[in-house]
Amino acid sequence: MTSIICALLWVAWAALISYVVLGWVVELGRLSWGHPIRSVYDFLGRGIRPVIRPIRDRLPPVRLGGVALDLSIIVLFVGIVILQAIIC
């Protein structure tokens, strides 16, 4: 049972990394709606955004001059790593 949970935590971690990297590619590359990378990003977002939304509601973005840094992704990363350290 522990190995299944560890595998799911690893998949969640990999999906979150992919979501972040593809988010940069989509935003900086200005990809069209039909582009395959954007389709993968949207697919990952359907699973990740509902998990991040409650964190974003409780943790406002940090203002750094004219830029707002969203810490919800970092909090989720730390949460996954802590769970991996405890369970795996």
C-alpha atoms as a PDB file:
ATOM      1  CA  MET A   1       0.000   0.000   0.000  1.00  0.00           C
ATOM      2  CA  THR A   2       2.843   2.367   0.830  1.00  0.00           C
ATOM      3  CA  SER A   3       4.450   1.815  -2.565  1.00  0.00           C
ATOM      4  CA  ILE A   4       1.201   2.809  -4.313  1.00  0.00           C
ATOM      5  CA  ILE A   5       1.001   6.037  -2.310  1.00  0.00           C
ATOM      6  CA  CYS A   6       4.665   6.757  -3.015  1.00  0.00           C
ATOM      7  CA  ALA A   7       4.089   6.196  -6.727  1.00  0.00           C
ATOM      8  CA  LEU A   8       1.070   8.526  -6.696  1.00  0.00           C
ATOM      9  CA  LEU A   9       3.069  11.210  -4.882  1.00  0.00           C
ATOM     10  CA  TRP A  10       5.849  10.854  -7.460  1.00  0.00           C
ATOM     11  CA  VAL A  11       3.316  11.182 -10.312  1.00  0.00           C
ATOM     12  CA  ALA A  12       1.833  14.279  -8.629  1.00  0.00           C
ATOM     13  CA  TRP A  13       5.314  15.778  -8.264  1.00  0.00           C
ATOM     14  CA  ALA A  14       6.159  15.073 -11.924  1.00  0.00           C
ATOM     15  CA  ALA A  15       2.805  16.467 -13.089  1.00  0.00           C
ATOM     16  CA  LEU A  16       3.363  19.637 -11.078  1.00  0.00           C
ATOM     17  CA  ILE A  17       6.864  20.125 -12.534  1.00  0.00           C
ATOM     18  CA  SER A  18       5.453  19.555 -16.032  1.00  0.00           C
ATOM     19  CA  TYR A  19       2.617  22.007 -15.389  1.00  0.00           C
ATOM     20  CA  VAL A  20       5.026  24.737 -14.285  1.00  0.00           C
ATOM     21  CA  VAL A  21       7.450  24.249 -17.184  1.00  0.00           C
ATOM     22  CA  LEU A  22       4.680  23.997 -19.778  1.00  0.00           C
ATOM     23  CA  GLY A  23       3.053  27.095 -18.290  1.00  0.00           C
ATOM     24  CA  TRP A  24       6.219  29.043 -19.059  1.00  0.00           C
ATOM     25  CA  VAL A  25       6.367  27.578 -22.569  1.00  0.00           C
ATOM     26  CA  VAL A  26       2.724  28.413 -23.262  1.00  0.00           C
ATOM     27  CA  GLU A  27       2.986  31.972 -21.907  1.00  0.00           C
ATOM     28  CA  LEU A  28       6.356  32.878 -23.397  1.00  0.00           C
ATOM     29  CA  GLY A  29       5.871  30.978 -26.650  1.00  0.00           C
ATOM     30  CA  ARG A  30       2.399  32.370 -27.330  1.00  0.00           C
ATOM     31  CA  LEU A  31       1.188  29.009 -28.608  1.00  0.00           C
ATOM     32  CA  SER A  32      -2.066  28.717 -30.512  1.00  0.00           C
ATOM     33  CA  TRP A  33      -5.060  26.967 -28.920  1.00  0.00           C
ATOM     34  CA  GLY A  34      -4.654  23.868 -31.064  1.00  0.00           C
ATOM     35  CA  HIS A  35      -0.959  23.329 -30.343  1.00  0.00           C
ATOM     36  CA  PRO A  36      -0.211  19.911 -28.751  1.00  0.00           C
ATOM     37  CA  ILE A  37       1.857  21.437 -25.927  1.00  0.00           C
ATOM     38  CA  ARG A  38      -1.043  23.667 -24.980  1.00  0.00           C
ATOM     39  CA  SER A  39      -3.345  20.636 -24.995  1.00  0.00           C
ATOM     40  CA  VAL A  40      -1.045  18.822 -22.540  1.00  0.00           C
ATOM     41  CA  TYR A  41      -0.862  21.963 -20.374  1.00  0.00           C
ATOM     42  CA  ASP A  42      -4.653  22.247 -20.300  1.00  0.00           C
ATOM     43  CA  PHE A  43      -4.983  18.539 -19.456  1.00  0.00           C
ATOM     44  CA  LEU A  44      -2.557  18.844 -16.537  1.00  0.00           C
ATOM     45  CA  GLY A  45      -4.272  22.035 -15.423  1.00  0.00           C
ATOM     46  CA  ARG A  46      -7.622  20.281 -15.078  1.00  0.00           C
ATOM     47  CA  GLY A  47      -6.101  18.105 -12.382  1.00  0.00           C
ATOM     48  CA  ILE A  48      -3.773  20.607 -10.728  1.00  0.00           C
ATOM     49  CA  ARG A  49      -5.839  23.820 -10.624  1.00  0.00           C
ATOM     50  CA  PRO A  50      -8.500  22.385  -8.252  1.00  0.00           C
ATOM     51  CA  VAL A  51      -5.721  21.427  -5.822  1.00  0.00           C
ATOM     52  CA  ILE A  52      -3.997  24.811  -6.065  1.00  0.00           C
ATOM     53  CA  ARG A  53      -7.169  26.928  -5.849  1.00  0.00           C
ATOM     54  CA  PRO A  54      -7.728  26.478  -2.056  1.00  0.00           C
ATOM     55  CA  ILE A  55      -4.068  27.315  -1.414  1.00  0.00           C
ATOM     56  CA  ARG A  56      -4.339  30.447  -3.576  1.00  0.00           C
ATOM     57  CA  ASP A  57      -7.484  31.502  -1.708  1.00  0.00           C
ATOM     58  CA  ARG A  58      -5.621  31.430   1.629  1.00  0.00           C
ATOM     59  CA  LEU A  59      -2.194  32.626   0.453  1.00  0.00           C
ATOM     60  CA  PRO A  60      -2.183  35.870  -1.538  1.00  0.00           C
ATOM     61  CA  PRO A  61       0.552  36.515  -4.105  1.00  0.00           C
ATOM     62  CA  VAL A  62       3.698  38.218  -2.828  1.00  0.00           C
ATOM     63  CA  ARG A  63       4.325  41.598  -4.462  1.00  0.00           C
ATOM     64  CA  LEU A  64       7.832  42.129  -5.767  1.00  0.00           C
ATOM     65  CA  GLY A  65       7.759  45.564  -7.351  1.00  0.00           C
ATOM     66  CA  GLY A  66       5.477  45.304 -10.347  1.00  0.00           C
ATOM     67  CA  VAL A  67       5.359  41.508 -10.269  1.00  0.00           C
ATOM     68  CA  ALA A  68       3.201  39.206  -8.149  1.00  0.00           C
ATOM     69  CA  LEU A  69       4.780  35.883  -7.137  1.00  0.00           C
ATOM     70  CA  ASP A  70       2.293  33.040  -6.715  1.00  0.00           C
ATOM     71  CA  LEU A  71       3.484  30.897  -3.808  1.00  0.00           C
ATOM     72  CA  SER A  72       0.736  28.265  -4.067  1.00  0.00           C
ATOM     73  CA  ILE A  73       2.800  26.063  -6.393  1.00  0.00           C
ATOM     74  CA  ILE A  74       5.772  26.214  -4.008  1.00  0.00           C
ATOM     75  CA  VAL A  75       3.553  25.339  -1.033  1.00  0.00           C
ATOM     76  CA  LEU A  76       2.171  22.349  -2.947  1.00  0.00           C
ATOM     77  CA  PHE A  77       5.713  21.218  -3.859  1.00  0.00           C
ATOM     78  CA  VAL A  78       6.778  21.426  -0.216  1.00  0.00           C
ATOM     79  CA  GLY A  79       3.658  19.527   0.847  1.00  0.00           C
ATOM     80  CA  ILE A  80       4.352  16.714  -1.595  1.00  0.00           C
ATOM     81  CA  VAL A  81       8.008  16.491  -0.533  1.00  0.00           C
ATOM     82  CA  ILE A  82       7.038  16.375   3.144  1.00  0.00           C
ATOM     83  CA  LEU A  83       4.514  13.617   2.477  1.00  0.00           C
ATOM     84  CA  GLN A  84       7.133  11.678   0.522  1.00  0.00           C
ATOM     85  CA  ALA A  85       9.600  12.044   3.388  1.00  0.00           C
ATOM     86  CA  ILE A  86       7.049  10.813   5.921  1.00  0.00           C
ATOM     87  CA  ILE A  87       5.459   7.979   3.927  1.00  0.00           C
ATOM     88  CA  CYS A  88       8.187   6.767   1.569  1.00  0.00           C
END
